[in-house]
Amino acid sequence: MNKKIVLTFAVCSVLLFGFSKKNYSDAELIKAIHQVESSGRIDKKIVGDGGKAIGPLQIHYANWKDATDFDKSIGGKYSDCYNLEYSKKIFVAYMSRYAKGKDAETKARIWNGGIAGADKGSTKKYWTKVKANL
């Protein structure tokens, strides 16, 4: 085979497949989501989404309830979501329930758009923001 053809094939393969989805850890993903949701802030009274979400990861009551019902060991109360370490537990439980074994994009889009978030076109922009912080 001609060397130019082989080289062209190799370059095209890298371009097509070299930029495939990286398998990010939950810690990396949480850090990126934290940056997108609250600019990395950790102060105690972060409120967003018109007062419907709280804390550094912007957790809605329904998501907190869902996560704590799924993993009873978390305990606590909704207002604990102002704490980053507690919020991380909520994220992990929610992802364990609805995105176990899924890639970072799917997890981020579910976090943003709910259980069916990965299928919503509206969450693609959110993923772009999260990915920029990974």
Protein backbone atom coordinates (compact mmCIF):
# COMPACT_ATOMS: atom_id res chain seq x y z
CA MET A 1 0.00 0.00 0.00
CA ASN A 2 1.19 3.49 -0.80
CA LYS A 3 2.71 5.33 2.20
CA LYS A 4 0.55 8.40 1.53
CA ILE A 5 -2.60 6.29 1.65
CA VAL A 6 -1.52 4.65 4.91
CA LEU A 7 -0.66 8.02 6.44
CA THR A 8 -3.95 9.52 5.26
CA PHE A 9 -5.84 6.57 6.71
CA ALA A 10 -4.00 6.94 10.03
CA VAL A 11 -4.72 10.67 10.27
CA CYS A 12 -8.39 10.15 9.41
CA SER A 13 -8.67 7.40 12.01
CA VAL A 14 -7.26 9.67 14.70
CA LEU A 15 -9.58 12.47 13.67
CA LEU A 16 -12.62 10.22 13.63
CA PHE A 17 -11.90 8.00 16.59
CA GLY A 18 -9.21 9.80 18.56
CA PHE A 19 -11.67 12.29 19.93
CA SER A 20 -14.14 9.73 21.17
CA LYS A 21 -15.81 10.07 24.55
CA LYS A 22 -13.41 9.94 27.46
CA ASN A 23 -14.49 8.01 30.49
CA TYR A 24 -14.43 10.72 33.18
CA SER A 25 -14.71 9.85 36.84
CA ASP A 26 -17.66 11.06 38.89
CA ALA A 27 -15.24 13.34 40.78
CA GLU A 28 -14.11 15.00 37.54
CA LEU A 29 -17.68 15.34 36.34
CA ILE A 30 -18.88 16.76 39.66
CA LYS A 31 -16.08 19.34 39.59
CA ALA A 32 -17.11 20.43 36.08
CA ILE A 33 -20.81 20.55 36.97
CA HIS A 34 -19.98 22.54 40.10
CA GLN A 35 -18.21 25.08 37.91
CA VAL A 36 -21.12 25.32 35.47
CA GLU A 37 -23.84 25.44 38.12
CA SER A 38 -22.32 27.90 40.58
CA SER A 39 -18.97 29.04 39.17
CA GLY A 40 -17.26 26.84 41.76
CA ARG A 41 -18.74 28.79 44.65
CA ILE A 42 -19.22 27.09 48.01
CA ASP A 43 -20.91 29.81 50.05
CA LYS A 44 -23.83 28.63 52.13
CA LYS A 45 -26.77 30.29 50.39
CA ILE A 46 -26.45 29.54 46.68
CA VAL A 47 -29.93 29.59 45.18
CA GLY A 48 -30.78 29.30 41.50
CA ASP A 49 -33.41 28.46 38.94
CA GLY A 50 -35.80 31.06 40.31
CA GLY A 51 -35.44 29.73 43.84
CA LYS A 52 -36.13 26.13 42.83
CA ALA A 53 -32.57 24.79 43.21
CA ILE A 54 -30.01 25.16 45.97
CA GLY A 55 -26.36 24.61 46.67
CA PRO A 56 -23.20 24.40 44.60
CA LEU A 57 -24.65 21.67 42.35
CA GLN A 58 -28.09 23.32 42.09
CA ILE A 59 -30.22 20.50 43.44
CA HIS A 60 -34.00 20.61 43.19
CA TYR A 61 -36.08 19.21 46.05
CA ALA A 62 -37.49 16.38 43.90
CA ASN A 63 -34.00 15.24 42.92
CA TRP A 64 -32.83 15.36 46.54
CA LYS A 65 -35.87 13.36 47.63
CA ASP A 66 -35.35 10.84 44.84
CA ALA A 67 -31.66 10.37 45.71
CA THR A 68 -32.24 10.05 49.45
CA ASP A 69 -35.12 7.61 48.92
CA PHE A 70 -32.83 5.55 46.68
CA ASP A 71 -29.88 5.63 49.11
CA LYS A 72 -31.24 5.87 52.64
CA SER A 73 -27.70 5.98 54.06
CA ILE A 74 -27.36 9.61 52.90
CA GLY A 75 -29.90 10.89 55.39
CA GLY A 76 -30.04 14.59 56.11
CA LYS A 77 -32.44 17.25 55.02
CA TYR A 78 -32.86 19.23 51.82
CA SER A 79 -31.07 22.26 53.21
CA ASP A 80 -27.93 20.09 53.54
CA CYS A 81 -27.60 20.51 49.77
CA TYR A 82 -25.95 23.87 50.46
CA ASN A 83 -22.92 21.81 51.49
CA LEU A 84 -20.74 20.64 48.60
CA GLU A 85 -19.74 17.31 50.16
CA TYR A 86 -23.36 16.45 50.89
CA SER A 87 -24.38 17.54 47.38
CA LYS A 88 -21.80 15.16 45.92
CA LYS A 89 -23.52 12.28 47.73
CA ILE A 90 -26.82 13.32 46.18
CA PHE A 91 -25.23 13.42 42.73
CA VAL A 92 -23.68 9.96 43.13
CA ALA A 93 -26.94 8.43 44.36
CA TYR A 94 -28.95 10.02 41.55
CA MET A 95 -26.46 8.82 38.96
CA SER A 96 -26.38 5.34 40.51
CA ARG A 97 -30.13 5.19 40.11
CA TYR A 98 -30.55 6.64 36.63
CA ALA A 99 -27.17 6.63 34.88
CA LYS A 100 -25.23 3.67 36.21
CA GLY A 101 -22.49 2.74 33.74
CA LYS A 102 -23.27 5.68 31.45
CA ASP A 103 -20.73 8.12 30.07
CA ALA A 104 -20.13 11.65 31.36
CA GLU A 105 -22.27 13.27 28.69
CA THR A 106 -25.28 11.13 29.55
CA LYS A 107 -24.80 11.77 33.27
CA ALA A 108 -24.48 15.53 32.82
CA ARG A 109 -27.52 15.70 30.59
CA ILE A 110 -29.57 13.65 33.08
CA TRP A 111 -28.39 15.92 35.88
CA ASN A 112 -29.57 18.93 33.91
CA GLY A 113 -32.73 17.57 32.34
CA GLY A 114 -33.97 14.87 34.67
CA ILE A 115 -34.36 11.16 34.09
CA ALA A 116 -34.96 11.61 30.34
CA GLY A 117 -32.44 14.46 30.07
CA ALA A 118 -30.05 12.55 27.84
CA ASP A 119 -32.77 12.43 25.19
CA LYS A 120 -33.65 16.13 25.33
CA GLY A 121 -32.12 18.44 22.77
CA SER A 122 -32.22 21.22 25.34
CA THR A 123 -29.48 19.53 27.41
CA LYS A 124 -26.89 19.51 24.62
CA LYS A 125 -25.87 23.10 25.37
CA TYR A 126 -25.46 22.20 29.04
CA TRP A 127 -23.17 19.29 28.11
CA THR A 128 -21.07 21.65 25.98
CA LYS A 129 -20.55 23.87 29.04
CA VAL A 130 -19.72 20.92 31.30
CA LYS A 131 -17.35 19.39 28.75
CA ALA A 132 -15.47 22.71 28.51
CA ASN A 133 -14.75 22.37 32.24
CA LEU A 134 -13.50 18.77 32.11
